[in-house]
Protein backbone atom coordinates (compact mmCIF):
# COMPACT_ATOMS: atom_id res chain seq x y z
CA UNK A 1 25.15 -34.98 -8.63
CA UNK A 2 22.93 -34.94 -11.89
CA UNK A 3 19.88 -35.30 -9.37
CA UNK A 4 20.81 -32.34 -7.45
CA UNK A 5 21.25 -30.33 -10.84
CA UNK A 6 17.82 -31.59 -12.15
CA UNK A 7 16.11 -30.72 -8.82
CA UNK A 8 17.83 -27.01 -8.67
CA UNK A 9 16.31 -26.58 -12.25
CA UNK A 10 13.07 -27.60 -11.18
CA UNK A 11 13.06 -25.51 -8.36
CA UNK A 12 14.18 -22.38 -10.10
CA UNK A 13 11.47 -22.93 -12.59
CA UNK A 14 9.15 -23.07 -10.21
CA UNK A 15 10.25 -20.28 -8.36
CA UNK A 16 10.01 -18.25 -11.64
CA UNK A 17 6.58 -19.11 -12.42
CA UNK A 18 5.70 -18.37 -8.69
CA UNK A 19 7.22 -14.77 -9.10
CA UNK A 20 6.15 -14.05 -12.44
CA UNK A 21 2.48 -15.09 -12.32
CA UNK A 22 1.42 -12.47 -10.25
CA UNK A 23 2.99 -9.99 -12.66
CA UNK A 24 1.29 -11.49 -15.53
CA UNK A 25 -2.01 -11.13 -13.84
CA UNK A 26 -1.68 -7.62 -13.05
CA UNK A 27 -0.39 -6.70 -16.53
CA UNK A 28 -3.34 -8.61 -17.99
CA UNK A 29 -5.82 -6.86 -15.87
CA UNK A 30 -4.26 -3.57 -16.47
CA UNK A 31 -4.22 -4.27 -20.31
CA UNK A 32 -8.12 -5.33 -19.96
CA UNK A 33 -8.93 -2.38 -18.02
CA UNK A 34 -7.48 0.01 -20.57
CA UNK A 35 -8.94 -1.60 -23.43
CA UNK A 36 -12.43 -1.89 -22.24
CA UNK A 37 -12.16 1.72 -20.86
CA UNK A 38 -10.74 3.28 -24.16
CA UNK A 39 -14.59 3.50 -25.54
CA UNK A 40 -16.03 5.26 -22.60
CA UNK A 41 -12.74 7.77 -22.40
CA UNK A 42 -13.22 8.44 -26.12
CA UNK A 43 -16.84 9.37 -25.47
CA UNK A 44 -16.18 11.52 -22.45
CA UNK A 45 -12.73 12.95 -23.37
CA UNK A 46 -9.51 12.22 -21.76
CA UNK A 47 -9.32 15.65 -20.10
CA UNK A 48 -12.84 15.76 -18.89
CA UNK A 49 -12.36 12.22 -17.43
CA UNK A 50 -9.09 12.64 -15.61
CA UNK A 51 -9.78 16.26 -14.56
CA UNK A 52 -13.65 16.42 -13.95
CA UNK A 53 -14.64 17.30 -10.50
CA UNK A 54 -17.62 15.10 -10.21
CA UNK A 55 -18.69 11.44 -10.49
CA UNK A 56 -22.30 10.85 -10.70
CA UNK A 57 -23.40 8.09 -12.83
CA UNK A 58 -26.95 8.10 -11.95
CA UNK A 59 -27.67 11.82 -12.86
CA UNK A 60 -29.88 12.84 -15.69
CA UNK A 61 -26.47 13.74 -17.70
CA UNK A 62 -24.02 11.34 -16.09
CA UNK A 63 -20.57 12.97 -15.15
CA UNK A 64 -17.60 10.86 -15.03
CA UNK A 65 -14.67 12.69 -13.56
CA UNK A 66 -12.00 10.81 -11.49
CA UNK A 67 -10.26 13.81 -10.06
CA UNK A 68 -11.59 13.31 -6.62
CA UNK A 69 -10.49 9.69 -6.73
CA UNK A 70 -6.90 10.63 -7.63
CA UNK A 71 -6.68 13.38 -5.22
CA UNK A 72 -7.91 10.99 -2.34
CA UNK A 73 -5.43 8.83 -2.89
CA UNK A 74 -2.64 11.58 -3.04
CA UNK A 75 -4.06 12.89 0.26
CA UNK A 76 -4.20 9.54 1.83
CA UNK A 77 -0.45 8.85 0.75
CA UNK A 78 0.74 12.13 1.68
CA UNK A 79 -1.16 11.88 5.28
CA UNK A 80 0.30 8.50 5.89
CA UNK A 81 3.80 9.81 5.15
CA UNK A 82 3.52 12.85 7.34
CA UNK A 83 2.46 10.49 10.11
CA UNK A 84 4.24 7.49 9.72
CA UNK A 85 7.74 8.62 8.71
CA UNK A 86 8.56 10.71 11.56
CA UNK A 87 7.27 8.34 14.03
CA UNK A 88 8.89 5.45 12.30
CA UNK A 89 12.26 7.11 12.49
CA UNK A 90 11.97 8.07 15.90
CA UNK A 91 10.97 4.48 16.64
CA UNK A 92 13.97 3.27 14.77
CA UNK A 93 16.27 5.68 16.46
CA UNK A 94 15.34 5.15 20.00
CA UNK A 95 16.56 1.60 20.57
CA UNK A 96 19.82 2.05 18.57
CA UNK A 97 20.86 5.54 19.95
CA UNK A 98 21.39 4.26 23.33
CA UNK A 99 17.98 4.11 24.90
CA UNK A 100 18.07 2.20 28.17
CA UNK A 101 17.41 -1.49 28.26
CA UNK A 102 13.94 -1.17 29.77
CA UNK A 103 13.02 1.37 27.05
CA UNK A 104 14.56 -0.54 24.64
CA UNK A 105 12.65 -3.66 25.60
CA UNK A 106 9.21 -1.81 25.45
CA UNK A 107 9.96 0.00 22.10
CA UNK A 108 11.47 -3.30 20.38
CA UNK A 109 8.44 -5.30 21.81
CA UNK A 110 5.85 -2.87 20.47
CA UNK A 111 7.64 -2.96 17.02
CA UNK A 112 7.28 -6.71 16.97
CA UNK A 113 3.80 -6.53 17.75
CA UNK A 114 3.06 -3.94 14.95
CA UNK A 115 4.94 -6.06 12.53
CA UNK A 116 2.35 -8.89 13.17
CA UNK A 117 -0.47 -6.56 12.00
CA UNK A 118 -1.30 -7.47 8.23
CA UNK A 119 -0.49 -4.47 5.68
CA UNK A 120 -3.62 -5.05 3.69
CA UNK A 121 -7.32 -6.06 4.64
CA UNK A 122 -7.32 -4.61 8.07
CA UNK A 123 -9.21 -1.31 8.45
CA UNK A 124 -10.01 0.93 11.52
CA UNK A 125 -13.50 0.96 12.61
CA UNK A 126 -15.76 3.63 10.90
CA UNK A 127 -13.51 3.30 7.90
CA UNK A 128 -16.29 4.38 5.52
CA UNK A 129 -18.03 7.82 5.99
CA UNK A 130 -17.07 11.30 7.28
CA UNK A 131 -13.69 11.67 8.49
CA UNK A 132 -12.75 8.42 6.73
CA UNK A 133 -9.86 10.03 4.82
CA UNK A 134 -8.16 11.04 8.27
CA UNK A 135 -8.86 7.70 9.96
CA UNK A 136 -7.15 6.15 6.72
CA UNK A 137 -4.26 8.36 6.99
CA UNK A 138 -3.50 7.53 10.68
CA UNK A 139 -4.20 3.96 10.03
CA UNK A 140 -1.60 4.04 7.23
CA UNK A 141 0.65 5.78 9.10
CA UNK A 142 0.52 3.29 12.19
CA UNK A 143 0.82 0.16 9.72
CA UNK A 144 4.11 1.35 8.02
CA UNK A 145 5.84 1.80 11.51
CA UNK A 146 7.35 -1.91 11.52
CA UNK A 147 8.49 -1.53 7.97
CA UNK A 148 10.62 1.15 8.91
CA UNK A 149 11.58 0.47 12.52
CA UNK A 150 11.88 -3.09 12.68
CA UNK A 151 14.51 -3.36 10.21
CA UNK A 152 16.83 -0.41 11.52
CA UNK A 153 16.74 -1.32 15.30
CA UNK A 154 16.38 -5.07 15.35
CA UNK A 155 18.74 -6.25 12.70
CA UNK A 156 18.87 -10.02 12.32
């Protein structure tokens, strides 16, 4: 009985370290970036930095505005949401709401295949360059389908 308690305590401690170490790493990286970036932000000005429409560090008079980066992230998220949520809800609803056995088999198989695609690190061809935002939106929308559909139509 005592061995079990010691083992359980050790496993719990290891699990806590396993869970908390990424949080610690993210927090330390965030603090480092903020602290090391403060001198530049003070020189540029917070408003110019956040809302400046141009990032051109190689110009004769460099400009450091991150608004295009912020907006592209927002547009990418909205695009992925507009594509992924309706398709995901329809994918989740088809097998549950009385689809025939053949349709259910095809949809469930497709969902299970999509759930094998890694959520990070895989990008569509032509990811960089013209039209990259639209391709990124579509790809993010497709990647979120297994998360929405699999849990709704294929409960364990």
